[in-house]
Amino acid sequence: MIDYTILPMYLVAVLALLLVPGPDMLLILSASLSFGRRVGIFASLGNATSGLILTCLAAIGVSAVVAVSPLALELLHAIGGLYLLKMGWDCYHADVGDAPTVTEPKGLASQFYRRAMLSNLLNPKALLFFVMFLPQFVSAHISSSSAQQMFALGIILNVLGLSFNLLLVALVGSLGKGLLHNTTFRRYQYKVMGAVFFTLAIWLLSGLL
């Protein structure tokens, strides 16, 4: 399915990428610290879901079409940035009474699953990454097609990425568990998440400037 002679190089490259902080890591870590391990796990799963979708798009060539279209990229920048701005606005202006309790996080995990998935899908940089990164490790010396190789490489990347994010969630979720019992911290957790979403929005919209 892939050229195993280049697999060690690919794994090293993936590890280096995982260690570089990005908007996805920021969202997952903030969710874990603010709302606990369960929400962080669902945010990680949402991110992994978007990764699988982007892998499929890259494998069938759709992402390559988007990558060469400046208009499509600008549209993704605008939609993704505005979506994150709305989430930031909603969090920042949420009533303190809306802050979830430690024992009643009902619906919050699924919300962060969707947010993590959509924020990554609407990030054109994520789409470009799959277009520019995966093809570098496609080999012409094996019988598998380029699409098959890209799909296999993407699966490896997503499995490693999910494992890495779940490890971070376990660490940060444990550290943040005590903070969930702190009334003052819970009062401002929506403000913190709002700031995170505003930061992510600026991250995306900066590409339009």
C-alpha atoms as a PDB file:
ATOM      1  CA  MET A   1       0.000   0.000   0.000  1.00  0.00           C
ATOM      2  CA  ILE A   2       2.929   2.341   0.741  1.00  0.00           C
ATOM      3  CA  ASP A   3       6.669   2.285   0.111  1.00  0.00           C
ATOM      4  CA  TYR A   4       8.056   0.987   3.404  1.00  0.00           C
ATOM      5  CA  THR A   5      11.534   2.248   2.581  1.00  0.00           C
ATOM      6  CA  ILE A   6      10.319   5.813   3.158  1.00  0.00           C
ATOM      7  CA  LEU A   7       8.108   4.967   6.163  1.00  0.00           C
ATOM      8  CA  PRO A   8      10.766   5.867   8.797  1.00  0.00           C
ATOM      9  CA  MET A   9      11.214   9.302   7.223  1.00  0.00           C
ATOM     10  CA  TYR A  10       7.470   9.773   7.106  1.00  0.00           C
ATOM     11  CA  LEU A  11       7.037   8.850  10.774  1.00  0.00           C
ATOM     12  CA  VAL A  12       9.760  11.287  11.804  1.00  0.00           C
ATOM     13  CA  ALA A  13       8.074  14.042   9.792  1.00  0.00           C
ATOM     14  CA  VAL A  14       4.677  13.253  11.360  1.00  0.00           C
ATOM     15  CA  LEU A  15       6.159  13.303  14.870  1.00  0.00           C
ATOM     16  CA  ALA A  16       7.739  16.687  14.214  1.00  0.00           C
ATOM     17  CA  LEU A  17       4.419  18.028  12.960  1.00  0.00           C
ATOM     18  CA  LEU A  18       2.545  16.749  16.019  1.00  0.00           C
ATOM     19  CA  LEU A  19       4.974  18.501  18.354  1.00  0.00           C
ATOM     20  CA  VAL A  20       4.389  21.884  16.699  1.00  0.00           C
ATOM     21  CA  PRO A  21       1.514  23.735  18.446  1.00  0.00           C
ATOM     22  CA  GLY A  22      -1.330  24.622  16.106  1.00  0.00           C
ATOM     23  CA  PRO A  23      -4.975  25.715  16.261  1.00  0.00           C
ATOM     24  CA  ASP A  24      -6.218  22.127  16.648  1.00  0.00           C
ATOM     25  CA  MET A  25      -3.954  21.470  19.615  1.00  0.00           C
ATOM     26  CA  LEU A  26      -4.980  24.795  21.130  1.00  0.00           C
ATOM     27  CA  LEU A  27      -8.669  23.932  20.871  1.00  0.00           C
ATOM     28  CA  ILE A  28      -8.252  20.419  22.307  1.00  0.00           C
ATOM     29  CA  LEU A  29      -6.043  21.526  25.189  1.00  0.00           C
ATOM     30  CA  SER A  30      -8.325  24.422  26.080  1.00  0.00           C
ATOM     31  CA  ALA A  31     -11.395  22.189  25.996  1.00  0.00           C
ATOM     32  CA  SER A  32      -9.688  19.641  28.248  1.00  0.00           C
ATOM     33  CA  LEU A  33      -8.469  22.219  30.723  1.00  0.00           C
ATOM     34  CA  SER A  34     -11.737  24.138  30.864  1.00  0.00           C
ATOM     35  CA  PHE A  35     -14.281  21.334  30.783  1.00  0.00           C
ATOM     36  CA  GLY A  36     -12.478  18.107  31.610  1.00  0.00           C
ATOM     37  CA  ARG A  37     -11.182  14.964  29.997  1.00  0.00           C
ATOM     38  CA  ARG A  38     -14.456  13.789  28.421  1.00  0.00           C
ATOM     39  CA  VAL A  39     -14.904  16.978  26.405  1.00  0.00           C
ATOM     40  CA  GLY A  40     -11.255  16.867  25.352  1.00  0.00           C
ATOM     41  CA  ILE A  41     -11.672  13.303  24.098  1.00  0.00           C
ATOM     42  CA  PHE A  42     -14.673  14.275  21.989  1.00  0.00           C
ATOM     43  CA  ALA A  43     -12.779  17.289  20.616  1.00  0.00           C
ATOM     44  CA  SER A  44      -9.932  14.921  19.681  1.00  0.00           C
ATOM     45  CA  LEU A  45     -12.385  12.580  17.955  1.00  0.00           C
ATOM     46  CA  GLY A  46     -13.880  15.507  16.053  1.00  0.00           C
ATOM     47  CA  ASN A  47     -10.431  16.513  14.891  1.00  0.00           C
ATOM     48  CA  ALA A  48      -9.702  12.925  13.842  1.00  0.00           C
ATOM     49  CA  THR A  49     -12.976  12.765  11.902  1.00  0.00           C
ATOM     50  CA  SER A  50     -12.048  15.878   9.951  1.00  0.00           C
ATOM     51  CA  GLY A  51      -8.639  14.351   9.274  1.00  0.00           C
ATOM     52  CA  LEU A  52     -10.229  11.261   7.746  1.00  0.00           C
ATOM     53  CA  ILE A  53     -12.466  13.412   5.574  1.00  0.00           C
ATOM     54  CA  LEU A  54      -9.522  15.507   4.393  1.00  0.00           C
ATOM     55  CA  THR A  55      -7.589  12.323   3.695  1.00  0.00           C
ATOM     56  CA  CYS A  56     -10.376  11.052   1.463  1.00  0.00           C
ATOM     57  CA  LEU A  57     -10.592  14.397  -0.328  1.00  0.00           C
ATOM     58  CA  ALA A  58      -6.856  14.409  -0.914  1.00  0.00           C
ATOM     59  CA  ALA A  59      -6.929  10.831  -2.145  1.00  0.00           C
ATOM     60  CA  ILE A  60      -9.563  11.534  -4.783  1.00  0.00           C
ATOM     61  CA  GLY A  61      -7.991  14.800  -5.851  1.00  0.00           C
ATOM     62  CA  VAL A  62     -10.694  17.208  -4.674  1.00  0.00           C
ATOM     63  CA  SER A  63      -8.329  19.020  -2.331  1.00  0.00           C
ATOM     64  CA  ALA A  64      -5.856  19.516  -5.187  1.00  0.00           C
ATOM     65  CA  VAL A  65      -8.547  21.354  -7.143  1.00  0.00           C
ATOM     66  CA  VAL A  66      -9.299  23.613  -4.189  1.00  0.00           C
ATOM     67  CA  ALA A  67      -5.621  24.255  -3.592  1.00  0.00           C
ATOM     68  CA  VAL A  68      -5.111  25.797  -7.037  1.00  0.00           C
ATOM     69  CA  SER A  69      -8.185  28.025  -6.737  1.00  0.00           C
ATOM     70  CA  PRO A  70      -7.430  31.279  -4.909  1.00  0.00           C
ATOM     71  CA  LEU A  71     -11.143  32.104  -4.785  1.00  0.00           C
ATOM     72  CA  ALA A  72     -11.979  28.784  -3.112  1.00  0.00           C
ATOM     73  CA  LEU A  73      -9.235  29.291  -0.556  1.00  0.00           C
ATOM     74  CA  GLU A  74     -10.379  32.808   0.236  1.00  0.00           C
ATOM     75  CA  LEU A  75     -13.940  31.563   0.632  1.00  0.00           C
ATOM     76  CA  LEU A  76     -12.782  28.882   3.066  1.00  0.00           C
ATOM     77  CA  HIS A  77     -10.789  31.474   4.985  1.00  0.00           C
ATOM     78  CA  ALA A  78     -13.839  33.723   5.285  1.00  0.00           C
ATOM     79  CA  ILE A  79     -16.341  30.990   6.202  1.00  0.00           C
ATOM     80  CA  GLY A  80     -14.008  29.356   8.717  1.00  0.00           C
ATOM     81  CA  GLY A  81     -13.034  32.652  10.315  1.00  0.00           C
ATOM     82  CA  LEU A  82     -16.610  33.904  10.610  1.00  0.00           C
ATOM     83  CA  TYR A  83     -17.754  30.583  12.062  1.00  0.00           C
ATOM     84  CA  LEU A  84     -15.082  30.737  14.760  1.00  0.00           C
ATOM     85  CA  LEU A  85     -15.860  34.389  15.462  1.00  0.00           C
ATOM     86  CA  LYS A  86     -19.488  33.419  16.087  1.00  0.00           C
ATOM     87  CA  MET A  87     -18.431  30.658  18.474  1.00  0.00           C
ATOM     88  CA  GLY A  88     -16.145  33.082  20.283  1.00  0.00           C
ATOM     89  CA  TRP A  89     -18.929  35.665  20.538  1.00  0.00           C
ATOM     90  CA  ASP A  90     -21.373  33.082  21.894  1.00  0.00           C
ATOM     91  CA  CYS A  91     -18.895  31.869  24.504  1.00  0.00           C
ATOM     92  CA  TYR A  92     -17.773  35.323  25.556  1.00  0.00           C
ATOM     93  CA  HIS A  93     -21.336  36.537  26.085  1.00  0.00           C
ATOM     94  CA  ALA A  94     -22.672  33.322  27.634  1.00  0.00           C
ATOM     95  CA  ASP A  95     -24.410  33.677  30.985  1.00  0.00           C
ATOM     96  CA  VAL A  96     -22.378  32.475  33.954  1.00  0.00           C
ATOM     97  CA  GLY A  97     -25.219  30.122  34.782  1.00  0.00           C
ATOM     98  CA  ASP A  98     -24.615  28.363  31.488  1.00  0.00           C
ATOM     99  CA  ALA A  99     -21.214  27.148  32.643  1.00  0.00           C
ATOM    100  CA  PRO A 100     -21.436  23.383  32.927  1.00  0.00           C
ATOM    101  CA  THR A 101     -21.095  21.753  36.331  1.00  0.00           C
ATOM    102  CA  VAL A 102     -18.668  18.967  37.001  1.00  0.00           C
ATOM    103  CA  THR A 103     -21.452  16.390  37.104  1.00  0.00           C
ATOM    104  CA  GLU A 104     -23.647  17.748  34.304  1.00  0.00           C
ATOM    105  CA  PRO A 105     -21.684  18.314  31.093  1.00  0.00           C
ATOM    106  CA  LYS A 106     -24.741  17.280  29.069  1.00  0.00           C
ATOM    107  CA  GLY A 107     -24.395  18.041  25.378  1.00  0.00           C
ATOM    108  CA  LEU A 108     -21.075  19.837  25.766  1.00  0.00           C
ATOM    109  CA  ALA A 109     -18.965  16.930  24.519  1.00  0.00           C
ATOM    110  CA  SER A 110     -20.951  16.595  21.290  1.00  0.00           C
ATOM    111  CA  GLN A 111     -20.762  20.361  20.775  1.00  0.00           C
ATOM    112  CA  PHE A 112     -16.969  20.278  20.950  1.00  0.00           C
ATOM    113  CA  TYR A 113     -16.877  17.253  18.666  1.00  0.00           C
ATOM    114  CA  ARG A 114     -18.682  19.296  16.008  1.00  0.00           C
ATOM    115  CA  ARG A 115     -16.623  22.410  16.677  1.00  0.00           C
ATOM    116  CA  ALA A 116     -13.304  20.593  16.395  1.00  0.00           C
ATOM    117  CA  MET A 117     -14.414  18.829  13.230  1.00  0.00           C
ATOM    118  CA  LEU A 118     -15.803  21.923  11.510  1.00  0.00           C
ATOM    119  CA  SER A 119     -12.999  24.257  12.541  1.00  0.00           C
ATOM    120  CA  ASN A 120     -10.481  21.910  10.942  1.00  0.00           C
ATOM    121  CA  LEU A 121     -12.582  21.263   7.834  1.00  0.00           C
ATOM    122  CA  LEU A 122     -13.033  25.002   7.331  1.00  0.00           C
ATOM    123  CA  ASN A 123      -9.327  25.671   7.772  1.00  0.00           C
ATOM    124  CA  PRO A 124      -7.810  25.925   4.277  1.00  0.00           C
ATOM    125  CA  LYS A 125      -4.354  25.462   5.770  1.00  0.00           C
ATOM    126  CA  ALA A 126      -5.387  21.963   6.867  1.00  0.00           C
ATOM    127  CA  LEU A 127      -6.593  21.230   3.355  1.00  0.00           C
ATOM    128  CA  LEU A 128      -3.389  22.564   1.845  1.00  0.00           C
ATOM    129  CA  PHE A 129      -1.383  20.495   4.278  1.00  0.00           C
ATOM    130  CA  PHE A 130      -2.851  17.255   2.985  1.00  0.00           C
ATOM    131  CA  VAL A 131      -2.258  18.392  -0.600  1.00  0.00           C
ATOM    132  CA  MET A 132       1.340  19.450  -0.048  1.00  0.00           C
ATOM    133  CA  PHE A 133       2.533  16.997   2.594  1.00  0.00           C
ATOM    134  CA  LEU A 134       1.150  13.571   1.694  1.00  0.00           C
ATOM    135  CA  PRO A 135       2.192  13.525  -1.995  1.00  0.00           C
ATOM    136  CA  GLN A 136       5.846  13.948  -0.971  1.00  0.00           C
ATOM    137  CA  PHE A 137       5.759  10.381   0.342  1.00  0.00           C
ATOM    138  CA  VAL A 138       3.961   8.828  -2.633  1.00  0.00           C
ATOM    139  CA  SER A 139       6.316   6.449  -4.432  1.00  0.00           C
ATOM    140  CA  ALA A 140       6.372   5.561  -8.115  1.00  0.00           C
ATOM    141  CA  HIS A 141       8.268   2.361  -7.352  1.00  0.00           C
ATOM    142  CA  ILE A 142       5.357   0.309  -6.008  1.00  0.00           C
ATOM    143  CA  SER A 143       2.206  -0.969  -7.666  1.00  0.00           C
ATOM    144  CA  SER A 144      -0.273   0.928  -5.475  1.00  0.00           C
ATOM    145  CA  SER A 145      -1.838   3.991  -7.064  1.00  0.00           C
ATOM    146  CA  SER A 146      -1.171   7.504  -5.811  1.00  0.00           C
ATOM    147  CA  ALA A 147      -4.673   7.675  -4.342  1.00  0.00           C
ATOM    148  CA  GLN A 148      -4.187   4.402  -2.449  1.00  0.00           C
ATOM    149  CA  GLN A 149      -0.852   5.529  -1.081  1.00  0.00           C
ATOM    150  CA  MET A 150      -2.196   8.912  -0.005  1.00  0.00           C
ATOM    151  CA  PHE A 151      -5.115   7.254   1.735  1.00  0.00           C
ATOM    152  CA  ALA A 152      -2.792   4.875   3.619  1.00  0.00           C
ATOM    153  CA  LEU A 153      -0.445   7.723   4.581  1.00  0.00           C
ATOM    154  CA  GLY A 154      -3.398   9.788   5.758  1.00  0.00           C
ATOM    155  CA  ILE A 155      -4.703   6.936   7.913  1.00  0.00           C
ATOM    156  CA  ILE A 156      -1.304   6.593   9.591  1.00  0.00           C
ATOM    157  CA  LEU A 157      -1.181  10.339  10.194  1.00  0.00           C
ATOM    158  CA  ASN A 158      -4.681  10.411  11.687  1.00  0.00           C
ATOM    159  CA  VAL A 159      -4.108   7.409  13.955  1.00  0.00           C
ATOM    160  CA  LEU A 160      -0.882   8.907  15.304  1.00  0.00           C
ATOM    161  CA  GLY A 161      -2.502  12.323  15.638  1.00  0.00           C
ATOM    162  CA  LEU A 162      -5.472  10.939  17.572  1.00  0.00           C
ATOM    163  CA  SER A 163      -3.171   8.954  19.875  1.00  0.00           C
ATOM    164  CA  PHE A 164      -1.064  12.048  20.517  1.00  0.00           C
ATOM    165  CA  ASN A 165      -4.110  14.213  21.243  1.00  0.00           C
ATOM    166  CA  LEU A 166      -5.624  11.631  23.593  1.00  0.00           C
ATOM    167  CA  LEU A 167      -2.354  11.535  25.514  1.00  0.00           C
ATOM    168  CA  LEU A 168      -2.450  15.314  25.864  1.00  0.00           C
ATOM    169  CA  VAL A 169      -6.076  15.158  26.981  1.00  0.00           C
ATOM    170  CA  ALA A 170      -5.222  12.562  29.647  1.00  0.00           C
ATOM    171  CA  LEU A 171      -2.435  14.753  31.015  1.00  0.00           C
ATOM    172  CA  VAL A 172      -4.219  18.092  30.850  1.00  0.00           C
ATOM    173  CA  GLY A 173      -7.585  16.622  31.855  1.00  0.00           C
ATOM    174  CA  SER A 174      -6.064  15.266  35.061  1.00  0.00           C
ATOM    175  CA  LEU A 175      -4.365  18.550  35.854  1.00  0.00           C
ATOM    176  CA  GLY A 176      -7.512  20.514  35.125  1.00  0.00           C
ATOM    177  CA  LYS A 177      -9.884  18.277  37.070  1.00  0.00           C
ATOM    178  CA  GLY A 178      -9.343  20.161  40.309  1.00  0.00           C
ATOM    179  CA  LEU A 179      -9.985  23.482  38.582  1.00  0.00           C
ATOM    180  CA  LEU A 180     -13.487  22.356  37.628  1.00  0.00           C
ATOM    181  CA  HIS A 181     -14.377  22.493  41.330  1.00  0.00           C
ATOM    182  CA  ASN A 182     -13.196  26.080  41.564  1.00  0.00           C
ATOM    183  CA  THR A 183     -16.181  28.424  41.314  1.00  0.00           C
ATOM    184  CA  THR A 184     -14.102  31.396  40.195  1.00  0.00           C
ATOM    185  CA  PHE A 185     -12.435  29.369  37.469  1.00  0.00           C
ATOM    186  CA  ARG A 186     -15.781  28.032  36.220  1.00  0.00           C
ATOM    187  CA  ARG A 187     -17.162  31.579  36.122  1.00  0.00           C
ATOM    188  CA  TYR A 188     -14.538  32.582  33.559  1.00  0.00           C
ATOM    189  CA  GLN A 189     -14.148  29.365  31.592  1.00  0.00           C
ATOM    190  CA  TYR A 190     -16.511  30.573  28.853  1.00  0.00           C
ATOM    191  CA  LYS A 191     -14.477  33.771  28.597  1.00  0.00           C
ATOM    192  CA  VAL A 192     -11.322  31.703  28.116  1.00  0.00           C
ATOM    193  CA  MET A 193     -12.911  29.553  25.438  1.00  0.00           C
ATOM    194  CA  GLY A 194     -14.239  32.679  23.721  1.00  0.00           C
ATOM    195  CA  ALA A 195     -10.709  34.055  23.597  1.00  0.00           C
ATOM    196  CA  VAL A 196      -9.502  30.753  22.133  1.00  0.00           C
ATOM    197  CA  PHE A 197     -12.086  30.846  19.361  1.00  0.00           C
ATOM    198  CA  PHE A 198     -11.287  34.493  18.603  1.00  0.00           C
ATOM    199  CA  THR A 199      -7.607  33.514  18.350  1.00  0.00           C
ATOM    200  CA  LEU A 200      -8.427  30.701  15.952  1.00  0.00           C
ATOM    201  CA  ALA A 201     -10.574  33.059  13.879  1.00  0.00           C
ATOM    202  CA  ILE A 202      -7.734  35.560  13.602  1.00  0.00           C
ATOM    203  CA  TRP A 203      -5.464  32.660  12.630  1.00  0.00           C
ATOM    204  CA  LEU A 204      -7.702  31.902   9.680  1.00  0.00           C
ATOM    205  CA  LEU A 205      -8.691  35.426   8.671  1.00  0.00           C
ATOM    206  CA  SER A 206      -5.071  36.615   8.676  1.00  0.00           C
ATOM    207  CA  GLY A 207      -4.697  34.767   5.391  1.00  0.00           C
ATOM    208  CA  LEU A 208      -7.108  37.224   3.780  1.00  0.00           C
ATOM    209  CA  LEU A 209      -5.033  40.274   4.662  1.00  0.00           C
END
